[in-house]
Protein backbone atom coordinates (compact mmCIF):
# COMPACT_ATOMS: atom_id res chain seq x y z
CA MET A 1 127.67 86.86 56.33
CA PRO A 2 131.39 86.04 56.85
CA THR A 3 132.28 83.26 59.28
CA ARG A 4 134.96 83.51 61.94
CA ASP A 5 137.30 81.37 59.84
CA GLU A 6 137.29 83.79 56.89
CA PRO A 7 139.07 86.74 58.61
CA PHE A 8 141.31 84.27 60.45
CA ASP A 9 142.46 82.66 57.20
CA ARG A 10 143.04 86.04 55.58
CA ILE A 11 144.93 87.54 58.51
CA PHE A 12 147.04 84.41 58.97
CA ARG A 13 148.01 84.32 55.30
CA HIS A 14 148.98 87.98 55.42
CA LEU A 15 151.03 87.53 58.60
CA VAL A 16 152.96 84.58 57.16
CA ALA A 17 153.56 86.27 53.81
CA LYS A 18 154.29 89.85 54.84
CA LEU A 19 155.17 90.18 58.53
CA ARG A 20 158.89 90.47 59.23
CA LEU A 21 160.87 89.91 62.43
CA ARG A 22 161.85 93.57 62.29
CA HIS A 23 158.16 94.40 62.60
CA LEU A 24 157.94 92.32 65.78
CA GLN A 25 161.06 93.94 67.20
CA LEU A 26 159.59 97.38 66.57
CA LEU A 27 156.26 96.51 68.23
CA VAL A 28 158.01 95.37 71.41
CA ALA A 29 160.28 98.43 71.41
CA ILE A 30 157.30 100.79 71.09
CA SER A 31 155.54 99.08 74.01
CA GLU A 32 158.66 99.46 76.16
CA HIS A 33 159.46 103.08 75.26
CA GLY A 34 155.97 104.52 74.70
CA SER A 35 157.43 106.69 71.97
CA LEU A 36 157.89 105.94 68.29
CA GLN A 37 161.09 107.99 68.09
CA SER A 38 162.70 106.35 71.15
CA ALA A 39 161.64 102.90 69.96
CA ALA A 40 163.12 103.54 66.51
CA GLU A 41 166.42 104.72 67.99
CA SER A 42 166.63 101.66 70.26
CA ILE A 43 166.61 99.29 67.26
CA SER A 44 168.62 101.55 64.93
CA LEU A 45 165.76 102.73 62.71
CA THR A 46 164.90 106.24 61.61
CA GLN A 47 161.57 107.59 62.79
CA PRO A 48 160.14 107.76 59.24
CA SER A 49 161.12 104.11 58.72
CA ALA A 50 159.47 103.13 62.00
CA THR A 51 156.32 105.08 61.13
CA GLN A 52 156.16 103.35 57.76
CA ALA A 53 156.71 99.93 59.40
CA VAL A 54 153.79 100.48 61.77
CA LYS A 55 151.58 101.41 58.81
CA GLU A 56 152.68 98.21 57.07
CA ILE A 57 151.77 96.07 60.08
CA GLU A 58 148.38 97.76 60.45
CA ALA A 59 147.72 97.18 56.74
CA ILE A 60 148.65 93.51 57.08
CA ILE A 61 146.15 92.80 59.88
CA GLU A 62 143.67 95.55 58.93
CA VAL A 63 143.34 97.12 62.40
CA ARG A 64 144.82 100.13 64.20
CA LEU A 65 147.55 99.06 66.63
CA PHE A 66 148.35 102.38 68.34
CA ASP A 67 146.57 105.56 69.34
CA ARG A 68 148.75 108.61 68.72
CA TYR A 69 149.04 111.38 71.33
CA SER A 70 151.16 114.50 71.60
CA LYS A 71 153.42 112.83 74.15
CA GLY A 72 153.69 109.42 72.53
CA VAL A 73 151.69 106.38 71.49
CA LYS A 74 149.53 103.90 73.37
CA PRO A 75 148.65 100.38 72.15
CA THR A 76 145.02 99.62 71.31
CA GLN A 77 143.53 96.29 72.40
CA PHE A 78 144.73 94.85 69.09
CA GLY A 79 148.18 96.30 69.65
CA LEU A 80 148.44 94.82 73.14
CA LEU A 81 147.47 91.40 71.82
CA LEU A 82 149.97 91.44 68.96
CA ILE A 83 152.74 92.84 71.19
CA ASP A 84 152.35 89.90 73.58
CA TYR A 85 152.78 87.43 70.72
CA ALA A 86 155.64 89.46 69.27
CA ARG A 87 157.45 89.41 72.60
CA SER A 88 156.93 85.65 72.95
CA THR A 89 158.19 85.02 69.40
CA LEU A 90 161.33 87.10 69.94
CA LEU A 91 161.92 85.42 73.29
CA GLY A 92 161.71 82.04 71.58
CA LEU A 93 164.23 83.10 68.96
CA LYS A 94 166.52 84.47 71.65
CA ARG A 95 166.48 81.20 73.55
CA ALA A 96 167.05 79.25 70.33
CA ALA A 97 170.08 81.42 69.56
CA GLU A 98 171.43 80.92 73.09
CA SER A 99 171.00 77.15 72.88
CA ILE A 100 172.62 76.93 69.43
CA ALA A 101 175.54 79.10 70.57
CA ALA A 102 175.99 76.95 73.68
CA LEU A 103 176.09 73.77 71.61
CA GLN A 104 178.61 75.31 69.19
CA VAL A 105 181.11 75.86 72.01
CA ASN A 106 180.17 72.67 73.90
CA GLU A 107 178.48 74.54 76.75
CA HIS A 108 175.46 73.34 78.66
CA PRO A 109 171.93 74.73 78.09
CA ILE A 110 171.07 77.46 80.60
CA ILE A 111 167.85 78.09 82.53
CA ARG A 112 167.56 81.42 84.32
CA LEU A 113 165.65 81.21 87.60
CA GLY A 114 164.68 84.27 89.63
CA ALA A 115 163.70 83.92 93.28
CA ILE A 116 162.79 86.05 96.25
CA GLU A 117 165.05 85.38 99.22
CA ALA A 118 162.26 83.60 101.12
CA ALA A 119 162.18 80.94 98.39
CA SER A 120 165.88 80.08 98.59
CA HIS A 121 165.32 76.83 100.50
CA LEU A 122 162.91 75.66 97.79
CA VAL A 123 165.64 76.22 95.23
CA SER A 124 168.15 74.19 97.23
CA SER A 125 165.68 71.37 97.73
CA VAL A 126 164.48 71.05 94.11
CA ILE A 127 167.53 71.83 91.97
CA PRO A 128 169.72 68.85 93.04
CA ALA A 129 167.09 66.29 92.00
CA PHE A 130 166.47 68.20 88.77
CA HIS A 131 170.21 68.20 88.03
CA THR A 132 170.30 64.42 88.51
CA ARG A 133 167.67 64.05 85.79
CA HIS A 134 169.21 66.74 83.57
CA PRO A 135 172.96 66.72 84.28
CA ASN A 136 173.83 68.86 81.25
CA VAL A 137 171.62 71.81 82.23
CA ARG A 138 172.95 74.83 84.13
CA VAL A 139 170.53 76.77 86.34
CA LEU A 140 171.51 80.39 86.97
CA VAL A 141 169.73 81.76 90.06
CA THR A 142 169.30 85.45 90.84
CA GLU A 143 167.52 87.02 93.82
CA ASP A 144 165.20 90.02 93.52
CA THR A 145 161.81 91.32 94.62
CA GLY A 146 158.64 89.72 93.30
CA LYS A 147 157.68 92.87 91.37
CA ASN A 148 161.04 93.02 89.62
CA LEU A 149 161.01 89.31 88.84
CA SER A 150 157.60 89.63 87.20
CA ALA A 151 158.99 92.32 84.90
CA GLN A 152 162.02 90.15 84.16
CA LEU A 153 159.72 87.27 83.16
CA VAL A 154 158.01 89.55 80.66
CA SER A 155 161.29 90.79 79.20
CA GLY A 156 162.85 87.32 79.08
CA GLN A 157 165.64 88.08 81.56
CA VAL A 158 164.50 85.07 83.61
CA ASP A 159 162.71 81.93 82.48
CA LEU A 160 161.00 81.12 85.78
CA ALA A 161 160.39 83.09 88.97
CA LEU A 162 159.63 82.12 92.55
CA CYS A 163 157.51 84.95 93.97
CA ARG A 164 154.80 85.50 96.54
CA SER A 165 151.50 84.12 95.26
CA THR A 166 149.94 87.60 95.56
CA VAL A 167 152.27 89.21 93.00
CA VAL A 168 150.14 90.53 90.13
CA HIS A 169 151.48 89.37 86.75
CA PRO A 170 150.41 90.27 83.19
CA PRO A 171 147.87 87.83 81.65
CA HIS A 172 150.50 85.88 79.69
CA ILE A 173 152.39 84.98 82.89
CA MET A 174 151.01 81.83 84.52
CA SER A 175 151.54 81.34 88.25
CA VAL A 176 151.06 78.19 90.35
CA ALA A 177 151.16 78.18 94.17
CA ILE A 178 153.64 75.59 95.43
CA SER A 179 154.31 76.39 99.10
CA SER A 180 152.52 77.94 102.03
CA ASP A 181 154.15 80.34 104.47
CA GLU A 182 153.59 82.03 107.82
CA PRO A 183 155.32 84.53 110.10
CA VAL A 184 157.54 83.07 112.83
CA ILE A 185 159.86 84.45 115.48
CA VAL A 186 163.49 83.35 115.55
CA CYS A 187 166.42 83.70 117.95
CA LYS A 188 169.95 82.35 118.26
CA THR A 189 170.23 78.64 119.01
CA ASP A 190 171.42 79.03 122.61
CA HIS A 191 168.91 81.75 123.51
CA LEU A 192 166.93 81.24 126.72
CA LEU A 193 163.66 81.21 124.77
CA ALA A 194 164.91 78.55 122.33
CA LYS A 195 164.44 75.84 124.96
CA LYS A 196 161.05 77.08 126.13
CA ASN A 197 158.10 75.02 124.84
CA ASP A 198 155.31 77.51 125.55
CA VAL A 199 156.60 80.98 124.71
CA ALA A 200 154.04 83.68 125.52
CA ILE A 201 153.86 87.29 124.36
CA ALA A 202 155.04 88.42 127.80
CA ASP A 203 158.27 86.46 127.26
CA LEU A 204 158.98 88.50 124.12
CA LEU A 205 158.55 91.97 125.56
CA PRO A 206 162.12 92.41 126.91
CA TYR A 207 163.72 91.88 123.49
CA ARG A 208 164.31 94.08 120.44
CA TRP A 209 162.60 92.81 117.28
CA VAL A 210 164.33 92.78 113.90
CA VAL A 211 161.54 93.28 111.35
CA ALA A 212 161.17 93.75 107.61
CA PRO A 213 161.26 97.22 106.00
CA PRO A 214 158.06 99.32 106.16
CA GLY A 215 155.42 98.46 103.57
CA THR A 216 156.24 94.74 103.45
CA GLN A 217 153.79 92.09 104.55
CA MET A 218 156.00 91.16 107.51
CA SER A 219 156.09 94.76 108.71
CA LEU A 220 152.28 94.79 108.63
CA VAL A 221 152.25 91.73 110.88
CA PHE A 222 154.57 93.48 113.35
CA ASP A 223 152.44 96.65 113.25
CA ASP A 224 149.39 94.51 114.04
CA LEU A 225 151.15 92.95 117.03
CA GLN A 226 152.36 96.37 118.13
CA ALA A 227 148.79 97.72 117.99
CA LYS A 228 147.58 94.84 120.17
CA PHE A 229 150.34 94.80 122.76
CA GLY A 230 151.76 98.32 122.47
CA SER A 231 155.15 97.70 124.07
CA LEU A 232 157.17 95.76 121.48
CA LYS A 233 160.65 97.20 120.99
CA CYS A 234 161.80 97.49 117.38
CA SER A 235 165.46 97.17 116.37
CA PRO A 236 166.92 100.21 114.52
CA ILE A 237 167.80 97.87 111.63
CA SER A 238 165.07 96.61 109.27
CA SER A 239 165.99 93.86 106.83
CA MET A 240 164.89 90.67 105.06
CA SER A 241 168.47 89.48 104.52
CA ILE A 242 168.79 86.19 106.36
CA ASP A 243 172.53 86.70 106.87
CA LEU A 244 171.97 90.11 108.47
CA ILE A 245 169.13 88.74 110.58
CA ILE A 246 171.34 85.89 111.80
CA GLY A 247 173.98 88.45 112.72
CA MET A 248 171.47 90.62 114.61
CA VAL A 249 169.91 87.78 116.62
CA SER A 250 173.35 86.52 117.65
CA SER A 251 172.85 89.00 120.49
CA ASP A 252 170.85 87.84 123.52
CA SER A 253 168.85 91.07 123.31
CA HIS A 254 167.41 90.49 119.81
CA ILE A 255 164.77 88.29 118.19
CA ALA A 256 163.39 88.54 114.64
CA LEU A 257 160.00 88.26 112.94
CA ILE A 258 160.49 86.62 109.53
CA PRO A 259 158.72 84.23 107.11
CA ARG A 260 159.00 80.55 107.99
CA THR A 261 160.33 79.87 104.48
CA LEU A 262 163.24 82.20 105.28
CA ALA A 263 163.70 80.86 108.81
CA VAL A 264 164.14 77.34 107.44
CA ARG A 265 167.30 78.48 105.69
CA GLY A 266 168.91 79.69 108.91
CA LYS A 267 167.70 76.77 111.01
CA THR A 268 169.04 74.24 108.49
CA ARG A 269 172.45 75.85 108.89
CA GLY A 270 172.16 75.49 112.67
CA LEU A 271 172.38 79.25 113.21
CA ILE A 272 168.90 80.13 114.50
CA ASP A 273 165.92 78.47 116.17
CA ILE A 274 162.23 79.03 115.61
CA LEU A 275 160.40 79.92 118.81
CA SER A 276 157.38 77.93 119.96
CA PHE A 277 155.11 80.94 119.57
CA ASP A 278 152.15 80.87 117.18
CA VAL A 279 152.03 84.35 115.66
CA SER A 280 148.68 83.59 114.00
CA THR A 281 146.99 83.43 117.42
CA CYS A 282 147.86 87.09 117.98
CA SER A 283 147.64 88.52 114.47
CA SER A 284 144.97 88.13 111.81
CA ILE A 285 147.38 89.23 109.08
CA GLY A 286 148.62 86.23 107.13
CA LEU A 287 151.55 85.73 104.82
CA PRO A 288 151.13 84.71 101.15
CA GLY A 289 152.79 81.51 100.04
CA ILE A 290 155.34 81.00 97.27
CA ALA A 291 154.35 80.46 93.62
CA ILE A 292 156.30 79.46 90.53
CA ALA A 293 155.65 81.77 87.57
CA GLN A 294 156.39 81.20 83.88
CA ASN A 295 155.87 83.17 80.68
CA ARG A 296 153.40 81.25 78.50
CA GLY A 297 155.55 82.10 75.49
CA ASN A 298 158.56 80.42 77.12
CA ALA A 299 157.26 76.86 77.21
CA PHE A 300 160.54 75.27 76.16
CA PRO A 301 160.88 71.63 77.28
CA LEU A 302 163.70 72.17 79.80
CA VAL A 303 162.09 75.29 81.27
CA THR A 304 158.78 73.47 81.62
CA ALA A 305 160.61 70.49 83.14
CA LEU A 306 162.09 72.71 85.87
CA HIS A 307 158.70 74.37 86.39
CA ASP A 308 157.11 70.95 86.87
CA ALA A 309 159.93 69.90 89.20
CA PHE A 310 159.02 72.74 91.55
CA VAL A 311 155.30 71.96 91.33
CA ASP A 312 155.85 68.25 91.98
CA GLY A 313 158.69 68.59 94.49
CA CYS A 314 157.26 71.23 96.82
CA CYS A 315 154.74 70.10 99.42
CA ALA A 316 151.78 72.20 100.48
CA SER A 317 153.52 73.27 103.69
CA THR A 318 157.12 74.30 104.33
CA LYS A 319 156.98 73.92 108.09
CA CYS A 320 160.14 72.34 109.49
């Protein structure tokens, strides 16, 4: 009876001897396009060449990688596994090429960090200390939704992502919670309610609330409050842009319901205040914290160093 090591040794020898980078590129392209023809075109191969390449890969590892259908192809469990490793290998080569090219023209290594807007204050608190330890590293930060950032982690567009801890990632994306969060109500700094130490729900009824777009967690919190109190007035503008929110609450007639992690950004700039009203006493709907996510195939030393800087530098609570 063969042992586990026997097929492993055979498959590994075959992969090392016969698998080509072009094979890996084709596997990833097929997974992204769902069609052999589209995948072949995307990497400048003819469809017969792509078909032959898939047969070569399946012969190398002795399993079927794709199920063929009239409208395209779908990876088998073996195909999904190999595609993950193919994507990680190509990502590693891409980062190696970027680093070599940067060194050739005396540029600094680059780490690409994606973040939801509510995590912006974590970025500003961690990056300066990281830069002190790694002065030759550039960190490029882009803002997007958690769902989009997860996809960008998979494709290699970003190296790390700060998302809500509830974002569902593929298995090869590891996620570590680094900061808690909660809904708070904010107003302009010289608002009458800003100086009140015991704001009650009755105090909030005269004002229009700026809330997040429908379907977001913050909008669910507002809907819960609305169901309980029934007379909350909603602003005609829905947004999670802190700059727009600051502009809206500059009016005496407006307040805003936003995540504390986002409110910290405006309060630090001296543009808004957080009201002394505990939303959690009126709503049972919580708000997920922030997590740092990384592709397991992108465990380069500098990327891991920045990942660890967020884990070590962020406390369990972001309350100001």
